[in-house]
C-alpha atoms as a PDB file:
ATOM      1  CA  MET A   1       6.949 -51.243  84.868  1.00  0.00           C
ATOM      2  CA  THR A   2       4.806 -52.868  82.233  1.00  0.00           C
ATOM      3  CA  GLU A   3       5.856 -53.142  78.596  1.00  0.00           C
ATOM      4  CA  GLN A   4       3.208 -50.553  77.618  1.00  0.00           C
ATOM      5  CA  GLN A   5       4.597 -48.117  80.218  1.00  0.00           C
ATOM      6  CA  LYS A   6       8.143 -48.678  78.939  1.00  0.00           C
ATOM      7  CA  LEU A   7       6.998 -47.903  75.401  1.00  0.00           C
ATOM      8  CA  GLU A   8       5.241 -44.707  76.592  1.00  0.00           C
ATOM      9  CA  VAL A   9       8.415 -43.562  78.371  1.00  0.00           C
ATOM     10  CA  ILE A  10      10.538 -44.198  75.271  1.00  0.00           C
ATOM     11  CA  GLU A  11       8.067 -42.229  73.151  1.00  0.00           C
ATOM     12  CA  LEU A  12       8.239 -39.296  75.598  1.00  0.00           C
ATOM     13  CA  LEU A  13      12.020 -39.403  75.622  1.00  0.00           C
ATOM     14  CA  GLU A  14      12.100 -39.384  71.835  1.00  0.00           C
ATOM     15  CA  GLU A  15       9.536 -36.594  71.584  1.00  0.00           C
ATOM     16  CA  PHE A  16      11.383 -34.354  74.023  1.00  0.00           C
ATOM     17  CA  GLN A  17      14.930 -35.476  73.356  1.00  0.00           C
ATOM     18  CA  GLU A  18      16.230 -31.870  73.409  1.00  0.00           C
ATOM     19  CA  VAL A  19      15.163 -31.709  77.063  1.00  0.00           C
ATOM     20  CA  PHE A  20      16.430 -35.107  78.166  1.00  0.00           C
ATOM     21  CA  THR A  21      20.231 -35.127  77.682  1.00  0.00           C
ATOM     22  CA  ASN A  22      23.288 -36.387  79.532  1.00  0.00           C
ATOM     23  CA  VAL A  23      25.070 -33.167  78.726  1.00  0.00           C
ATOM     24  CA  PRO A  24      24.766 -30.501  81.463  1.00  0.00           C
ATOM     25  CA  GLY A  25      23.486 -27.140  80.296  1.00  0.00           C
ATOM     26  CA  LEU A  26      22.904 -23.601  81.361  1.00  0.00           C
ATOM     27  CA  THR A  27      19.572 -21.791  81.566  1.00  0.00           C
ATOM     28  CA  THR A  28      19.011 -18.096  81.156  1.00  0.00           C
ATOM     29  CA  LEU A  29      15.397 -18.289  82.363  1.00  0.00           C
ATOM     30  CA  GLY A  30      16.159 -16.769  85.737  1.00  0.00           C
ATOM     31  CA  GLU A  31      18.632 -14.793  87.796  1.00  0.00           C
ATOM     32  CA  HIS A  32      19.297 -14.725  91.498  1.00  0.00           C
ATOM     33  CA  ALA A  33      21.104 -12.512  93.989  1.00  0.00           C
ATOM     34  CA  ILE A  34      22.418 -13.662  97.331  1.00  0.00           C
ATOM     35  CA  HIS A  35      22.829 -11.041 100.106  1.00  0.00           C
ATOM     36  CA  VAL A  36      25.066 -12.011 103.014  1.00  0.00           C
ATOM     37  CA  THR A  37      25.068 -10.659 106.559  1.00  0.00           C
ATOM     38  CA  THR A  38      28.678  -9.278 106.376  1.00  0.00           C
ATOM     39  CA  ASP A  39      30.926  -7.497 103.886  1.00  0.00           C
ATOM     40  CA  GLU A  40      33.754  -9.883 104.785  1.00  0.00           C
ATOM     41  CA  PRO A  41      34.114 -12.611 102.178  1.00  0.00           C
ATOM     42  CA  VAL A  42      32.942 -16.075 103.259  1.00  0.00           C
ATOM     43  CA  TYR A  43      35.837 -18.498 102.803  1.00  0.00           C
ATOM     44  CA  SER A  44      36.195 -22.103 103.913  1.00  0.00           C
ATOM     45  CA  LYS A  45      39.370 -24.176 103.465  1.00  0.00           C
ATOM     46  CA  PRO A  46      39.199 -26.936 100.904  1.00  0.00           C
ATOM     47  CA  TYR A  47      38.940 -30.529 102.039  1.00  0.00           C
ATOM     48  CA  PRO A  48      42.090 -32.573 101.289  1.00  0.00           C
ATOM     49  CA  LEU A  49      42.042 -34.618  98.021  1.00  0.00           C
ATOM     50  CA  SER A  50      44.424 -37.290  96.884  1.00  0.00           C
ATOM     51  CA  HIS A  51      46.619 -36.436  93.891  1.00  0.00           C
ATOM     52  CA  ALA A  52      44.654 -38.919  91.747  1.00  0.00           C
ATOM     53  CA  MET A  53      41.323 -37.395  92.824  1.00  0.00           C
ATOM     54  CA  GLN A  54      42.686 -33.882  92.282  1.00  0.00           C
ATOM     55  CA  ALA A  55      43.413 -34.742  88.682  1.00  0.00           C
ATOM     56  CA  GLU A  56      39.890 -36.117  88.157  1.00  0.00           C
ATOM     57  CA  VAL A  57      38.381 -32.963  89.743  1.00  0.00           C
ATOM     58  CA  GLU A  58      40.429 -30.703  87.550  1.00  0.00           C
ATOM     59  CA  GLU A  59      39.335 -32.712  84.503  1.00  0.00           C
ATOM     60  CA  GLU A  60      35.698 -32.357  85.563  1.00  0.00           C
ATOM     61  CA  PHE A  61      36.053 -28.597  86.110  1.00  0.00           C
ATOM     62  CA  ASP A  62      37.704 -28.218  82.682  1.00  0.00           C
ATOM     63  CA  SER A  63      34.782 -30.097  81.130  1.00  0.00           C
ATOM     64  CA  MET A  64      32.206 -27.921  82.941  1.00  0.00           C
ATOM     65  CA  LEU A  65      34.106 -24.753  81.830  1.00  0.00           C
ATOM     66  CA  LYS A  66      34.073 -25.878  78.216  1.00  0.00           C
ATOM     67  CA  LEU A  67      30.326 -26.639  78.388  1.00  0.00           C
ATOM     68  CA  GLY A  68      29.636 -23.225  79.839  1.00  0.00           C
ATOM     69  CA  VAL A  69      28.087 -24.641  83.009  1.00  0.00           C
ATOM     70  CA  ILE A  70      30.538 -22.792  85.267  1.00  0.00           C
ATOM     71  CA  GLU A  71      32.691 -19.749  84.715  1.00  0.00           C
ATOM     72  CA  PRO A  72      35.971 -18.579  86.153  1.00  0.00           C
ATOM     73  CA  SER A  73      35.814 -16.271  89.139  1.00  0.00           C
ATOM     74  CA  THR A  74      38.274 -14.099  91.025  1.00  0.00           C
ATOM     75  CA  LEU A  75      35.938 -13.423  93.965  1.00  0.00           C
ATOM     76  CA  PRO A  76      37.423 -14.083  97.432  1.00  0.00           C
ATOM     77  CA  TYR A  77      34.492 -16.344  98.343  1.00  0.00           C
ATOM     78  CA  ALA A  78      35.111 -20.089  98.500  1.00  0.00           C
ATOM     79  CA  SER A  79      33.333 -23.244  99.707  1.00  0.00           C
ATOM     80  CA  PRO A  80      34.900 -26.677  99.857  1.00  0.00           C
ATOM     81  CA  ILE A  81      33.806 -29.488  97.583  1.00  0.00           C
ATOM     82  CA  VAL A  82      32.804 -32.994  98.505  1.00  0.00           C
ATOM     83  CA  ILE A  83      33.509 -35.793  96.037  1.00  0.00           C
ATOM     84  CA  VAL A  84      31.074 -38.672  95.590  1.00  0.00           C
ATOM     85  CA  ARG A  85      32.272 -41.584  93.432  1.00  0.00           C
ATOM     86  CA  LYS A  86      29.597 -43.282  91.371  1.00  0.00           C
ATOM     87  CA  ARG A  87      30.273 -44.373  87.766  1.00  0.00           C
ATOM     88  CA  ARG A  88      32.146 -41.101  87.573  1.00  0.00           C
ATOM     89  CA  ILE A  89      32.873 -38.505  90.180  1.00  0.00           C
ATOM     90  CA  ILE A  90      30.154 -36.130  91.377  1.00  0.00           C
ATOM     91  CA  ILE A  91      31.281 -32.767  92.777  1.00  0.00           C
ATOM     92  CA  ILE A  92      29.120 -31.301  95.534  1.00  0.00           C
ATOM     93  CA  ASN A  93      29.698 -27.799  96.859  1.00  0.00           C
ATOM     94  CA  ASP A  94      29.593 -27.734 100.660  1.00  0.00           C
ATOM     95  CA  ALA A  95      28.053 -24.304 101.091  1.00  0.00           C
ATOM     96  CA  ARG A  96      26.856 -24.685 104.682  1.00  0.00           C
ATOM     97  CA  TYR A  97      29.237 -21.987 106.000  1.00  0.00           C
ATOM     98  CA  LEU A  98      28.143 -19.549 103.288  1.00  0.00           C
ATOM     99  CA  LEU A  99      24.459 -20.339 103.772  1.00  0.00           C
ATOM    100  CA  SER A 100      24.754 -19.666 107.493  1.00  0.00           C
ATOM    101  CA  ARG A 101      25.621 -16.056 106.547  1.00  0.00           C
ATOM    102  CA  VAL A 102      22.882 -15.490 103.972  1.00  0.00           C
ATOM    103  CA  ARG A 103      20.417 -12.723 104.733  1.00  0.00           C
ATOM    104  CA  THR A 104      18.183 -12.914 101.656  1.00  0.00           C
ATOM    105  CA  VAL A 105      18.046 -14.602  98.272  1.00  0.00           C
ATOM    106  CA  HIS A 106      16.163 -12.905  95.434  1.00  0.00           C
ATOM    107  CA  CYS A 107      15.139 -14.908  92.373  1.00  0.00           C
ATOM    108  CA  ASN A 108      13.691 -13.527  89.163  1.00  0.00           C
ATOM    109  CA  HIS A 109      12.271 -16.028  86.697  1.00  0.00           C
ATOM    110  CA  SER A 110      11.321 -15.041  83.164  1.00  0.00           C
ATOM    111  CA  SER A 111       8.334 -16.801  81.570  1.00  0.00           C
END
C-alpha cells in the first residue's frame, strides 16, 4: 500500500469512526425467523474444554452479555462451540446439526 493510500484509509477510519470499532455491537436493522423441520428441540452435546479454557469462555460470554451482543436463553436448543485461539479466543458456534434441520429462514431488513 502506498503512503497516499495509507493516508486515505486513515482519513476514512477517522471520518467513520463510529462504524469502525473493536467493540462488538448489536443491530436492530433486521429480524429473522428460523423454521425447523421438527418440533423436537435440536440439541448437540458440547465439545470438551479444559478447565482453563472453560474459564476463558465464561469470561468471554460474560463480556458479550454485558455488551448486549448475546442474551440469556432457557430454550432447549443447543449447539456446541469451537474455540479458536488467536490473540484472544474466538468462539464459533458449530450449528451444522441445527442447520441440517432448517426448513426456511425469513429475514426482514428495515431501511
